[in-house]
Amino acid sequence: MVGVFIGIGVGPGDPELLTFKAAKALKKVDIICIPKSHINKPSMALGMIKEVLEERTTPAEIIELVFPMTKDDLNNRKLWVENATIVAEKAQKGKDVAFITLGDPMLYSTFRYLYECVKETYPEIELEIIPGVTSVTAAAASSKLPLAEKDEVVTIIPTNLDSAHLEDAARHADNLVFMKCAFHIKELIPTLLKSGFTKNSTVALVKRCTLSEEKVIVGKLDEVSNWDVKEDYFSVAIVKKNPVPIHWKQNNGHKGCCCKHE
């Protein structure tokens, strides 16, 4: 009997945001695959499920799968195929295999490439996806800014989108979410202003969302150039075209808050 291959979203960082369904699956599967950008680099996703793994009656087999963060499509494809083979060989032996990923498996996740390889090459393997809390919604919660209201349009901007594409996307959006490239927010101001956003547009920058070192900065677009923004891959920025009242003060107990307006 062939096992199941399950993609599991483990959320943005806080282990308490792991869903009940994800925790239940992680306690039952035989094997858990951990994505890593480098073999010697620790896995943030693995650390987030540590408590769940400790509750298991029998230990799961942990397999580290390397997915280097490069734009070498040919080499990347080769690695996806190799990693899909590792997963398939385990599943074909009747083992249930999970692949954990930060956030959600279907939103800018490495899992999708592995999923497609397994789906195309090993159609006999049953596939399942368990969604997770995304950094997008978590950042909105941490900054206390709604992602969308009424008929507002939200556009999610990925890493290193060229300025022409960004400008076109921004013209047709009421709210923008910048993922992974959020620390470039200062460089994006001219393009946003050309696209219909204003100096009074509300901006939230959330670093290390939901983690102990989380930092939230909320203000106006014309203030962003004065912010202390350091490069951090785990950053999300929300930019709302229309100004939004901020209903909480600086140092109101929200850890890392640098909000300056009411």
C-alpha atoms as a PDB file:
ATOM      1  CA  MET A   1       0.000   0.000   0.000  1.00  0.00           C
ATOM      2  CA  VAL A   2       1.364   3.412  -0.999  1.00  0.00           C
ATOM      3  CA  GLY A   3       1.675   6.130   1.627  1.00  0.00           C
ATOM      4  CA  VAL A   4       0.450   9.725   1.529  1.00  0.00           C
ATOM      5  CA  PHE A   5       2.570  12.804   0.823  1.00  0.00           C
ATOM      6  CA  ILE A   6       1.337  15.779   2.863  1.00  0.00           C
ATOM      7  CA  GLY A   7       2.380  19.419   2.541  1.00  0.00           C
ATOM      8  CA  ILE A   8       1.944  21.109   5.923  1.00  0.00           C
ATOM      9  CA  GLY A   9       1.996  24.842   6.563  1.00  0.00           C
ATOM     10  CA  VAL A  10       3.395  25.481  10.037  1.00  0.00           C
ATOM     11  CA  GLY A  11       2.605  29.193  10.183  1.00  0.00           C
ATOM     12  CA  PRO A  12       4.670  32.397  10.345  1.00  0.00           C
ATOM     13  CA  GLY A  13       6.838  31.624  13.358  1.00  0.00           C
ATOM     14  CA  ASP A  14       4.930  31.345  16.622  1.00  0.00           C
ATOM     15  CA  PRO A  15       4.480  27.600  17.402  1.00  0.00           C
ATOM     16  CA  GLU A  16       1.072  28.385  18.930  1.00  0.00           C
ATOM     17  CA  LEU A  17      -0.185  29.359  15.461  1.00  0.00           C
ATOM     18  CA  LEU A  18       0.223  25.795  14.227  1.00  0.00           C
ATOM     19  CA  THR A  19      -3.260  24.478  13.370  1.00  0.00           C
ATOM     20  CA  PHE A  20      -4.850  21.514  15.134  1.00  0.00           C
ATOM     21  CA  LYS A  21      -4.973  19.643  11.831  1.00  0.00           C
ATOM     22  CA  ALA A  22      -1.267  20.227  11.203  1.00  0.00           C
ATOM     23  CA  ALA A  23      -0.348  19.088  14.717  1.00  0.00           C
ATOM     24  CA  LYS A  24      -2.512  15.972  14.377  1.00  0.00           C
ATOM     25  CA  ALA A  25      -0.813  15.018  11.105  1.00  0.00           C
ATOM     26  CA  LEU A  26       2.678  15.664  12.468  1.00  0.00           C
ATOM     27  CA  LYS A  27       2.005  13.304  15.359  1.00  0.00           C
ATOM     28  CA  LYS A  28       0.962  10.505  13.018  1.00  0.00           C
ATOM     29  CA  VAL A  29       3.183  10.593   9.904  1.00  0.00           C
ATOM     30  CA  ASP A  30       6.156   8.269   9.641  1.00  0.00           C
ATOM     31  CA  ILE A  31       8.544  10.749   8.039  1.00  0.00           C
ATOM     32  CA  ILE A  32       8.909  14.527   8.194  1.00  0.00           C
ATOM     33  CA  CYS A  33      10.848  16.305   5.455  1.00  0.00           C
ATOM     34  CA  ILE A  34      12.547  19.572   6.368  1.00  0.00           C
ATOM     35  CA  PRO A  35      13.389  22.106   3.631  1.00  0.00           C
ATOM     36  CA  LYS A  36      16.757  23.836   4.040  1.00  0.00           C
ATOM     37  CA  SER A  37      18.558  26.390   1.898  1.00  0.00           C
ATOM     38  CA  HIS A  38      21.885  24.893   2.998  1.00  0.00           C
ATOM     39  CA  ILE A  39      22.662  21.558   4.626  1.00  0.00           C
ATOM     40  CA  ASN A  40      24.525  23.223   7.528  1.00  0.00           C
ATOM     41  CA  LYS A  41      21.859  25.858   8.155  1.00  0.00           C
ATOM     42  CA  PRO A  42      19.365  25.251  10.999  1.00  0.00           C
ATOM     43  CA  SER A  43      15.692  24.853  10.079  1.00  0.00           C
ATOM     44  CA  MET A  44      13.331  27.458  11.481  1.00  0.00           C
ATOM     45  CA  ALA A  45      10.328  25.321  10.523  1.00  0.00           C
ATOM     46  CA  LEU A  46      11.668  22.335  12.453  1.00  0.00           C
ATOM     47  CA  GLY A  47      12.103  24.454  15.584  1.00  0.00           C
ATOM     48  CA  MET A  48       8.474  25.532  15.366  1.00  0.00           C
ATOM     49  CA  ILE A  49       7.156  21.964  15.618  1.00  0.00           C
ATOM     50  CA  LYS A  50       9.535  20.794  18.349  1.00  0.00           C
ATOM     51  CA  GLU A  51       6.845  20.586  21.048  1.00  0.00           C
ATOM     52  CA  VAL A  52       4.530  18.598  18.777  1.00  0.00           C
ATOM     53  CA  LEU A  53       7.281  16.099  17.976  1.00  0.00           C
ATOM     54  CA  GLU A  54       7.983  15.656  21.684  1.00  0.00           C
ATOM     55  CA  GLU A  55       4.370  14.533  22.156  1.00  0.00           C
ATOM     56  CA  ARG A  56       4.732  11.659  19.702  1.00  0.00           C
ATOM     57  CA  THR A  57       4.697   8.124  21.103  1.00  0.00           C
ATOM     58  CA  THR A  58       7.375   7.102  18.590  1.00  0.00           C
ATOM     59  CA  PRO A  59       9.940   9.411  16.961  1.00  0.00           C
ATOM     60  CA  ALA A  60       9.437  10.416  13.337  1.00  0.00           C
ATOM     61  CA  GLU A  61      12.184   9.927  10.810  1.00  0.00           C
ATOM     62  CA  ILE A  62      13.526  13.378   9.874  1.00  0.00           C
ATOM     63  CA  ILE A  63      14.845  13.925   6.350  1.00  0.00           C
ATOM     64  CA  GLU A  64      16.538  17.187   5.375  1.00  0.00           C
ATOM     65  CA  LEU A  65      15.936  18.262   1.785  1.00  0.00           C
ATOM     66  CA  VAL A  66      18.171  21.020   0.413  1.00  0.00           C
ATOM     67  CA  PHE A  67      16.652  23.691  -1.838  1.00  0.00           C
ATOM     68  CA  PRO A  68      19.305  26.383  -2.483  1.00  0.00           C
ATOM     69  CA  MET A  69      17.900  29.894  -2.951  1.00  0.00           C
ATOM     70  CA  THR A  70      19.256  30.470  -6.466  1.00  0.00           C
ATOM     71  CA  LYS A  71      17.828  31.429  -9.865  1.00  0.00           C
ATOM     72  CA  ASP A  72      19.593  28.564 -11.613  1.00  0.00           C
ATOM     73  CA  ASP A  73      16.426  26.947 -12.994  1.00  0.00           C
ATOM     74  CA  LEU A  74      18.232  23.961 -14.508  1.00  0.00           C
ATOM     75  CA  ASN A  75      20.015  23.028 -11.279  1.00  0.00           C
ATOM     76  CA  ASN A  76      16.909  23.771  -9.219  1.00  0.00           C
ATOM     77  CA  ARG A  77      14.849  21.436 -11.376  1.00  0.00           C
ATOM     78  CA  LYS A  78      17.459  18.725 -10.915  1.00  0.00           C
ATOM     79  CA  LEU A  79      17.245  19.095  -7.117  1.00  0.00           C
ATOM     80  CA  TRP A  80      13.441  19.064  -7.140  1.00  0.00           C
ATOM     81  CA  VAL A  81      13.488  15.802  -9.089  1.00  0.00           C
ATOM     82  CA  GLU A  82      16.065  14.285  -6.732  1.00  0.00           C
ATOM     83  CA  ASN A  83      14.084  15.332  -3.660  1.00  0.00           C
ATOM     84  CA  ALA A  84      10.832  14.091  -5.206  1.00  0.00           C
ATOM     85  CA  THR A  85      12.515  10.708  -5.713  1.00  0.00           C
ATOM     86  CA  ILE A  86      13.470  10.587  -2.025  1.00  0.00           C
ATOM     87  CA  VAL A  87       9.867  11.322  -1.015  1.00  0.00           C
ATOM     88  CA  ALA A  88       8.426   8.850  -3.527  1.00  0.00           C
ATOM     89  CA  GLU A  89      10.687   5.986  -2.454  1.00  0.00           C
ATOM     90  CA  LYS A  90       9.500   6.394   1.141  1.00  0.00           C
ATOM     91  CA  ALA A  91       5.827   6.680   0.175  1.00  0.00           C
ATOM     92  CA  GLN A  92       6.028   3.656  -2.133  1.00  0.00           C
ATOM     93  CA  LYS A  93       7.116   1.630   0.883  1.00  0.00           C
ATOM     94  CA  GLY A  94       3.861   2.517   2.622  1.00  0.00           C
ATOM     95  CA  LYS A  95       5.221   5.402   4.670  1.00  0.00           C
ATOM     96  CA  ASP A  96       3.225   8.595   5.183  1.00  0.00           C
ATOM     97  CA  VAL A  97       5.520  11.525   4.441  1.00  0.00           C
ATOM     98  CA  ALA A  98       5.041  15.153   5.531  1.00  0.00           C
ATOM     99  CA  PHE A  99       6.827  18.191   4.177  1.00  0.00           C
ATOM    100  CA  ILE A 100       6.744  21.197   6.500  1.00  0.00           C
ATOM    101  CA  THR A 101       6.966  24.751   5.243  1.00  0.00           C
ATOM    102  CA  LEU A 102       6.745  28.187   6.822  1.00  0.00           C
ATOM    103  CA  GLY A 103       3.449  29.966   6.281  1.00  0.00           C
ATOM    104  CA  ASP A 104       1.201  28.197   3.799  1.00  0.00           C
ATOM    105  CA  PRO A 105       2.261  25.477   1.327  1.00  0.00           C
ATOM    106  CA  MET A 106       0.524  27.200  -1.595  1.00  0.00           C
ATOM    107  CA  LEU A 107       1.813  30.743  -1.137  1.00  0.00           C
ATOM    108  CA  TYR A 108       5.355  31.327  -2.435  1.00  0.00           C
ATOM    109  CA  SER A 109       6.447  27.993  -0.990  1.00  0.00           C
ATOM    110  CA  THR A 110       9.176  25.577  -2.004  1.00  0.00           C
ATOM    111  CA  PHE A 111       6.623  22.831  -1.471  1.00  0.00           C
ATOM    112  CA  ARG A 112       4.789  23.608  -4.696  1.00  0.00           C
ATOM    113  CA  TYR A 113       7.762  22.616  -6.856  1.00  0.00           C
ATOM    114  CA  LEU A 114       8.219  19.371  -4.982  1.00  0.00           C
ATOM    115  CA  TYR A 115       4.471  18.739  -5.135  1.00  0.00           C
ATOM    116  CA  GLU A 116       4.434  19.159  -8.922  1.00  0.00           C
ATOM    117  CA  CYS A 117       7.381  16.795  -9.363  1.00  0.00           C
ATOM    118  CA  VAL A 118       5.750  14.091  -7.250  1.00  0.00           C
ATOM    119  CA  LYS A 119       2.376  14.612  -8.942  1.00  0.00           C
ATOM    120  CA  GLU A 120       3.815  14.338 -12.461  1.00  0.00           C
ATOM    121  CA  THR A 121       6.259  11.497 -11.894  1.00  0.00           C
ATOM    122  CA  TYR A 122       4.535   9.386  -9.259  1.00  0.00           C
ATOM    123  CA  PRO A 123       0.763   9.689  -9.875  1.00  0.00           C
ATOM    124  CA  GLU A 124       0.085   6.667  -7.666  1.00  0.00           C
ATOM    125  CA  ILE A 125       1.034   8.645  -4.542  1.00  0.00           C
ATOM    126  CA  GLU A 126      -1.881  10.321  -2.765  1.00  0.00           C
ATOM    127  CA  LEU A 127      -1.298  14.016  -2.127  1.00  0.00           C
ATOM    128  CA  GLU A 128      -2.709  16.187   0.642  1.00  0.00           C
ATOM    129  CA  ILE A 129      -2.217  19.835   1.596  1.00  0.00           C
ATOM    130  CA  ILE A 130      -2.824  21.309   5.052  1.00  0.00           C
ATOM    131  CA  PRO A 131      -2.944  25.113   4.939  1.00  0.00           C
ATOM    132  CA  GLY A 132      -1.135  27.296   7.443  1.00  0.00           C
ATOM    133  CA  VAL A 133      -1.364  30.831   8.821  1.00  0.00           C
ATOM    134  CA  THR A 134       0.435  33.096   6.351  1.00  0.00           C
ATOM    135  CA  SER A 135       2.904  35.870   7.127  1.00  0.00           C
ATOM    136  CA  VAL A 136       0.513  38.162   5.234  1.00  0.00           C
ATOM    137  CA  THR A 137      -2.373  37.709   7.655  1.00  0.00           C
ATOM    138  CA  ALA A 138      -0.057  37.487  10.654  1.00  0.00           C
ATOM    139  CA  ALA A 139       1.561  40.823   9.748  1.00  0.00           C
ATOM    140  CA  ALA A 140      -1.870  42.426   9.479  1.00  0.00           C
ATOM    141  CA  ALA A 141      -2.716  41.132  12.950  1.00  0.00           C
ATOM    142  CA  SER A 142       0.578  42.306  14.461  1.00  0.00           C
ATOM    143  CA  SER A 143       0.271  45.795  12.935  1.00  0.00           C
ATOM    144  CA  LYS A 144      -3.484  45.938  13.600  1.00  0.00           C
ATOM    145  CA  LEU A 145      -4.109  47.020  10.014  1.00  0.00           C
ATOM    146  CA  PRO A 146      -6.890  45.377   7.985  1.00  0.00           C
ATOM    147  CA  LEU A 147      -5.683  43.805   4.755  1.00  0.00           C
ATOM    148  CA  ALA A 148      -8.917  44.722   3.010  1.00  0.00           C
ATOM    149  CA  GLU A 149     -12.290  46.274   3.719  1.00  0.00           C
ATOM    150  CA  LYS A 150     -15.479  46.403   1.629  1.00  0.00           C
ATOM    151  CA  ASP A 151     -14.444  46.324  -2.052  1.00  0.00           C
ATOM    152  CA  GLU A 152     -10.725  47.041  -1.610  1.00  0.00           C
ATOM    153  CA  VAL A 153      -8.284  45.152  -3.841  1.00  0.00           C
ATOM    154  CA  VAL A 154      -5.194  43.557  -2.295  1.00  0.00           C
ATOM    155  CA  THR A 155      -2.076  42.746  -4.339  1.00  0.00           C
ATOM    156  CA  ILE A 156       0.773  40.603  -3.009  1.00  0.00           C
ATOM    157  CA  ILE A 157       4.203  41.595  -4.333  1.00  0.00           C
ATOM    158  CA  PRO A 158       6.930  38.904  -4.413  1.00  0.00           C
ATOM    159  CA  THR A 159      10.682  39.326  -4.120  1.00  0.00           C
ATOM    160  CA  ASN A 160      12.518  41.568  -6.600  1.00  0.00           C
ATOM    161  CA  LEU A 161       9.581  42.488  -8.846  1.00  0.00           C
ATOM    162  CA  ASP A 162      10.828  44.954 -11.479  1.00  0.00           C
ATOM    163  CA  SER A 163       9.713  48.573 -11.089  1.00  0.00           C
ATOM    164  CA  ALA A 164       7.571  48.620 -14.262  1.00  0.00           C
ATOM    165  CA  HIS A 165       5.616  45.548 -13.146  1.00  0.00           C
ATOM    166  CA  LEU A 166       5.317  46.931  -9.623  1.00  0.00           C
ATOM    167  CA  GLU A 167       4.020  50.268 -10.872  1.00  0.00           C
ATOM    168  CA  ASP A 168       1.386  48.580 -13.027  1.00  0.00           C
ATOM    169  CA  ALA A 169       0.271  46.302 -10.184  1.00  0.00           C
ATOM    170  CA  ALA A 170       0.138  49.173  -7.694  1.00  0.00           C
ATOM    171  CA  ARG A 171      -2.069  51.275  -9.975  1.00  0.00           C
ATOM    172  CA  HIS A 172      -4.780  48.636  -9.778  1.00  0.00           C
ATOM    173  CA  ALA A 173      -4.567  47.939  -6.047  1.00  0.00           C
ATOM    174  CA  ASP A 174      -5.879  49.630  -2.933  1.00  0.00           C
ATOM    175  CA  ASN A 175      -3.519  47.759  -0.622  1.00  0.00           C
ATOM    176  CA  LEU A 176      -0.134  46.174  -1.281  1.00  0.00           C
ATOM    177  CA  VAL A 177       1.693  43.475   0.640  1.00  0.00           C
ATOM    178  CA  PHE A 178       5.437  43.137   0.075  1.00  0.00           C
ATOM    179  CA  MET A 179       6.813  39.722   0.982  1.00  0.00           C
ATOM    180  CA  LYS A 180      10.488  38.976   1.574  1.00  0.00           C
ATOM    181  CA  CYS A 181      11.520  42.139  -0.254  1.00  0.00           C
ATOM    182  CA  ALA A 182       9.967  44.372   2.405  1.00  0.00           C
ATOM    183  CA  PHE A 183      13.336  45.656   3.613  1.00  0.00           C
ATOM    184  CA  HIS A 184      13.599  47.445   0.225  1.00  0.00           C
ATOM    185  CA  ILE A 185      10.583  49.569   1.151  1.00  0.00           C
ATOM    186  CA  LYS A 186      12.546  52.840   1.035  1.00  0.00           C
ATOM    187  CA  GLU A 187      13.574  52.199  -2.563  1.00  0.00           C
ATOM    188  CA  LEU A 188       9.961  51.576  -3.542  1.00  0.00           C
ATOM    189  CA  ILE A 189       8.582  54.947  -2.416  1.00  0.00           C
ATOM    190  CA  PRO A 190       9.013  56.779  -5.783  1.00  0.00           C
ATOM    191  CA  THR A 191       7.242  53.984  -7.660  1.00  0.00           C
ATOM    192  CA  LEU A 192       4.380  53.923  -5.157  1.00  0.00           C
ATOM    193  CA  LEU A 193       3.904  57.682  -5.427  1.00  0.00           C
ATOM    194  CA  LYS A 194       3.754  57.399  -9.223  1.00  0.00           C
ATOM    195  CA  SER A 195       1.128  54.672  -8.887  1.00  0.00           C
ATOM    196  CA  GLY A 196      -1.510  56.614  -6.975  1.00  0.00           C
ATOM    197  CA  PHE A 197      -0.309  56.153  -3.416  1.00  0.00           C
ATOM    198  CA  THR A 198       0.294  59.342  -1.440  1.00  0.00           C
ATOM    199  CA  LYS A 199       2.588  60.641   1.266  1.00  0.00           C
ATOM    200  CA  ASN A 200      -0.237  60.007   3.734  1.00  0.00           C
ATOM    201  CA  SER A 201      -0.748  56.369   2.712  1.00  0.00           C
ATOM    202  CA  THR A 202      -0.432  54.104   5.740  1.00  0.00           C
ATOM    203  CA  VAL A 203       2.558  51.748   5.898  1.00  0.00           C
ATOM    204  CA  ALA A 204       3.335  48.916   8.299  1.00  0.00           C
ATOM    205  CA  LEU A 205       6.659  47.085   8.354  1.00  0.00           C
ATOM    206  CA  VAL A 206       6.740  43.873  10.369  1.00  0.00           C
ATOM    207  CA  LYS A 207      10.021  42.069  10.976  1.00  0.00           C
ATOM    208  CA  ARG A 208      10.199  38.526  12.359  1.00  0.00           C
ATOM    209  CA  CYS A 209       6.422  38.409  12.632  1.00  0.00           C
ATOM    210  CA  THR A 210       5.052  36.555  15.704  1.00  0.00           C
ATOM    211  CA  LEU A 211       8.550  35.662  16.927  1.00  0.00           C
ATOM    212  CA  SER A 212      10.080  36.877  20.191  1.00  0.00           C
ATOM    213  CA  GLU A 213      12.194  39.426  18.296  1.00  0.00           C
ATOM    214  CA  GLU A 214       9.240  40.792  16.319  1.00  0.00           C
ATOM    215  CA  LYS A 215       9.354  44.520  15.502  1.00  0.00           C
ATOM    216  CA  VAL A 216       6.448  46.527  14.111  1.00  0.00           C
ATOM    217  CA  ILE A 217       6.695  50.015  12.625  1.00  0.00           C
ATOM    218  CA  VAL A 218       3.540  51.819  11.490  1.00  0.00           C
ATOM    219  CA  GLY A 219       3.369  55.278   9.963  1.00  0.00           C
ATOM    220  CA  LYS A 220       2.907  57.328   6.800  1.00  0.00           C
ATOM    221  CA  LEU A 221       4.614  56.718   3.480  1.00  0.00           C
ATOM    222  CA  ASP A 222       6.526  60.006   3.698  1.00  0.00           C
ATOM    223  CA  GLU A 223       8.020  58.889   7.031  1.00  0.00           C
ATOM    224  CA  VAL A 224       9.424  55.601   5.736  1.00  0.00           C
ATOM    225  CA  SER A 225      12.658  57.202   4.486  1.00  0.00           C
ATOM    226  CA  ASN A 226      13.503  58.026   8.122  1.00  0.00           C
ATOM    227  CA  TRP A 227      12.863  54.521   9.438  1.00  0.00           C
ATOM    228  CA  ASP A 228      15.702  52.309  10.591  1.00  0.00           C
ATOM    229  CA  VAL A 229      15.176  49.463   8.140  1.00  0.00           C
ATOM    230  CA  LYS A 230      17.769  46.708   8.114  1.00  0.00           C
ATOM    231  CA  GLU A 231      17.918  43.843   5.641  1.00  0.00           C
ATOM    232  CA  ASP A 232      15.912  40.891   6.886  1.00  0.00           C
ATOM    233  CA  TYR A 233      14.455  38.162   4.702  1.00  0.00           C
ATOM    234  CA  PHE A 234      11.652  37.618   7.215  1.00  0.00           C
ATOM    235  CA  SER A 235      10.010  41.013   6.724  1.00  0.00           C
ATOM    236  CA  VAL A 236       6.550  41.902   5.457  1.00  0.00           C
ATOM    237  CA  ALA A 237       5.285  45.379   4.549  1.00  0.00           C
ATOM    238  CA  ILE A 238       1.659  46.418   4.151  1.00  0.00           C
ATOM    239  CA  VAL A 239       0.945  49.647   2.251  1.00  0.00           C
ATOM    240  CA  LYS A 240      -2.615  50.976   2.246  1.00  0.00           C
ATOM    241  CA  LYS A 241      -3.429  53.632  -0.362  1.00  0.00           C
ATOM    242  CA  ASN A 242      -5.923  55.375   1.908  1.00  0.00           C
ATOM    243  CA  PRO A 243      -4.754  56.571   5.339  1.00  0.00           C
ATOM    244  CA  VAL A 244      -5.968  54.418   8.212  1.00  0.00           C
ATOM    245  CA  PRO A 245      -6.366  55.676  11.814  1.00  0.00           C
ATOM    246  CA  ILE A 246      -4.029  53.880  14.195  1.00  0.00           C
ATOM    247  CA  HIS A 247      -5.904  52.999  17.364  1.00  0.00           C
ATOM    248  CA  TRP A 248      -3.056  52.157  19.675  1.00  0.00           C
ATOM    249  CA  LYS A 249      -0.139  54.097  21.107  1.00  0.00           C
ATOM    250  CA  GLN A 250       3.567  53.423  21.223  1.00  0.00           C
ATOM    251  CA  ASN A 251       4.618  51.114  24.083  1.00  0.00           C
ATOM    252  CA  ASN A 252       1.064  49.942  24.726  1.00  0.00           C
ATOM    253  CA  GLY A 253       2.354  46.500  25.583  1.00  0.00           C
ATOM    254  CA  HIS A 254       2.740  45.161  22.025  1.00  0.00           C
ATOM    255  CA  LYS A 255       6.274  43.827  21.911  1.00  0.00           C
ATOM    256  CA  GLY A 256       8.514  45.585  19.439  1.00  0.00           C
ATOM    257  CA  CYS A 257       5.924  48.239  18.560  1.00  0.00           C
ATOM    258  CA  CYS A 258       7.280  51.467  17.106  1.00  0.00           C
ATOM    259  CA  CYS A 259       3.900  52.925  16.157  1.00  0.00           C
ATOM    260  CA  LYS A 260       3.804  56.716  16.246  1.00  0.00           C
ATOM    261  CA  HIS A 261       0.232  57.691  15.492  1.00  0.00           C
ATOM    262  CA  GLU A 262      -3.245  57.505  16.918  1.00  0.00           C
END
